[in-house]
Protein backbone atom coordinates (compact mmCIF):
# COMPACT_ATOMS: atom_id res chain seq x y z
CA UNK A 1 -4.52 35.84 5.83
CA UNK A 2 -2.67 35.98 9.38
CA UNK A 3 -0.59 33.45 10.02
CA UNK A 4 -0.83 34.02 13.92
CA UNK A 5 -3.55 31.85 15.73
CA UNK A 6 -5.94 34.25 17.64
CA UNK A 7 -5.37 35.40 20.92
CA UNK A 8 -7.78 33.05 22.94
CA UNK A 9 -5.96 30.28 21.65
CA UNK A 10 -3.30 30.63 23.86
CA UNK A 11 -5.40 29.43 26.31
CA UNK A 12 -6.07 25.78 24.93
CA UNK A 13 -3.41 23.88 27.08
CA UNK A 14 -5.44 25.56 29.92
CA UNK A 15 -8.35 24.07 29.52
CA UNK A 16 -7.04 21.05 27.89
CA UNK A 17 -5.28 20.58 31.14
CA UNK A 18 -8.41 21.66 33.31
CA UNK A 19 -9.94 18.86 30.92
CA UNK A 20 -8.15 15.98 31.81
CA UNK A 21 -8.06 16.85 35.55
CA UNK A 22 -11.72 16.78 35.52
CA UNK A 23 -12.19 13.82 33.63
CA UNK A 24 -9.46 11.71 35.48
CA UNK A 25 -11.09 12.71 38.88
CA UNK A 26 -15.07 12.27 37.63
CA UNK A 27 -13.40 8.41 36.63
CA UNK A 28 -11.86 7.62 39.96
CA UNK A 29 -15.20 9.08 42.01
CA UNK A 30 -17.29 6.99 39.66
CA UNK A 31 -14.82 3.76 39.55
CA UNK A 32 -14.72 3.79 43.15
CA UNK A 33 -18.58 3.91 43.25
CA UNK A 34 -19.22 1.33 40.80
CA UNK A 35 -16.61 -1.12 42.30
CA UNK A 36 -16.55 -0.40 45.63
CA UNK A 37 -18.14 -2.39 48.40
CA UNK A 38 -21.70 -0.69 49.78
CA UNK A 39 -22.03 -2.60 53.20
CA UNK A 40 -23.57 -0.27 55.60
CA UNK A 41 -22.24 -1.26 59.18
CA UNK A 42 -22.09 0.54 62.90
CA UNK A 43 -18.55 0.64 62.36
CA UNK A 44 -18.52 2.53 58.95
CA UNK A 45 -21.07 4.67 59.77
CA UNK A 46 -19.58 6.34 63.25
CA UNK A 47 -17.44 9.43 62.55
CA UNK A 48 -13.56 8.78 62.48
CA UNK A 49 -11.17 11.71 64.58
CA UNK A 50 -7.34 10.43 63.87
CA UNK A 51 -8.00 6.93 65.04
CA UNK A 52 -9.54 7.69 68.87
CA UNK A 53 -13.37 7.05 69.65
CA UNK A 54 -14.66 10.10 69.45
CA UNK A 55 -15.64 11.00 73.38
CA UNK A 56 -17.84 14.23 74.95
CA UNK A 57 -18.98 17.19 73.22
CA UNK A 58 -18.19 18.29 69.98
CA UNK A 59 -18.47 22.16 71.46
CA UNK A 60 -15.63 21.55 73.65
CA UNK A 61 -13.80 24.59 74.88
CA UNK A 62 -10.18 25.00 73.26
CA UNK A 63 -7.21 26.49 74.59
CA UNK A 64 -6.17 29.80 73.12
CA UNK A 65 -2.80 28.84 72.36
CA UNK A 66 -4.94 26.27 69.74
CA UNK A 67 -5.98 29.41 68.03
CA UNK A 68 -3.33 31.34 68.46
CA UNK A 69 -0.82 28.38 66.57
CA UNK A 70 -3.61 28.75 63.65
CA UNK A 71 -2.92 32.60 63.03
CA UNK A 72 0.50 32.09 63.20
CA UNK A 73 0.08 29.39 60.84
CA UNK A 74 -1.67 31.50 58.58
CA UNK A 75 0.96 34.36 59.28
CA UNK A 76 3.68 32.61 58.31
CA UNK A 77 1.86 31.09 55.07
CA UNK A 78 1.19 33.93 53.59
CA UNK A 79 5.08 34.96 54.48
CA UNK A 80 5.81 32.58 52.07
CA UNK A 81 2.62 33.90 49.80
CA UNK A 82 5.14 37.13 49.56
CA UNK A 83 8.46 36.00 49.87
CA UNK A 84 8.54 33.28 46.94
CA UNK A 85 7.29 34.99 44.13
CA UNK A 86 9.43 37.89 44.99
CA UNK A 87 12.48 35.68 44.85
CA UNK A 88 10.97 34.62 41.78
CA UNK A 89 11.28 37.99 40.28
CA UNK A 90 14.31 39.32 41.94
CA UNK A 91 17.01 39.47 39.11
CA UNK A 92 14.49 41.39 36.85
CA UNK A 93 13.42 44.26 39.94
CA UNK A 94 16.41 46.66 38.50
CA UNK A 95 14.24 46.66 35.03
CA UNK A 96 10.98 46.76 37.00
CA UNK A 97 11.68 49.24 39.44
CA UNK A 98 14.25 51.63 38.14
CA UNK A 99 16.57 51.05 41.26
CA UNK A 100 19.04 48.08 41.96
CA UNK A 101 18.55 47.52 45.93
CA UNK A 102 15.12 48.85 46.05
CA UNK A 103 13.87 45.21 45.77
CA UNK A 104 16.11 44.10 48.45
CA UNK A 105 15.32 47.09 50.89
CA UNK A 106 11.66 46.23 50.60
CA UNK A 107 11.79 42.88 51.30
CA UNK A 108 13.99 43.17 53.87
CA UNK A 109 11.86 45.89 55.71
CA UNK A 110 8.84 43.10 55.20
CA UNK A 111 11.02 40.38 56.71
CA UNK A 112 12.03 42.50 59.99
CA UNK A 113 7.92 42.87 60.41
CA UNK A 114 7.34 39.62 60.20
CA UNK A 115 10.83 39.09 62.40
CA UNK A 116 9.45 41.54 65.21
CA UNK A 117 5.86 39.30 65.00
CA UNK A 118 8.28 36.00 65.69
CA UNK A 119 10.17 37.58 68.15
CA UNK A 120 6.80 38.94 70.14
CA UNK A 121 5.17 35.16 69.65
CA UNK A 122 8.75 33.91 71.20
CA UNK A 123 8.61 36.12 74.34
CA UNK A 124 4.80 35.75 74.79
CA UNK A 125 5.47 31.76 75.48
CA UNK A 126 3.34 30.68 72.62
CA UNK A 127 5.48 28.48 71.10
CA UNK A 128 6.54 27.10 74.33
CA UNK A 129 4.51 23.53 74.32
CA UNK A 130 5.29 22.11 77.27
CA UNK A 131 4.36 25.14 79.39
CA UNK A 132 0.30 24.78 78.98
CA UNK A 133 0.00 28.14 81.56
CA UNK A 134 1.30 30.35 78.64
CA UNK A 135 -2.07 30.69 77.77
CA UNK A 136 -3.17 34.42 77.06
């Protein structure tokens, strides 16, 4: 008879956390539905845009700068996705790669590529919000 639990039991804490999260979220939504007021009014049914009344066509044109900033946000968000896990395992990298400095130089090259991208964006004037003529 084995004293160890089967492998699947190691996932029990994760399953319990998911069940508690789903249960709490379901309870909050149900409580809001049953306890909240349900008066329909013109104000409640109107769309809300950051405290301003919606005016004009929803299909209006946006400046190219808006899309460029959105892409930059994604670029630097992805950078954080790669840098943070690397930082967590940095001390164990010599055991994984066999070289003491391989992980360091690898990340340095990656950050150099990101820095070149940032320098390009800066010189292009995309980060300069005071000058609206910098549209591409």
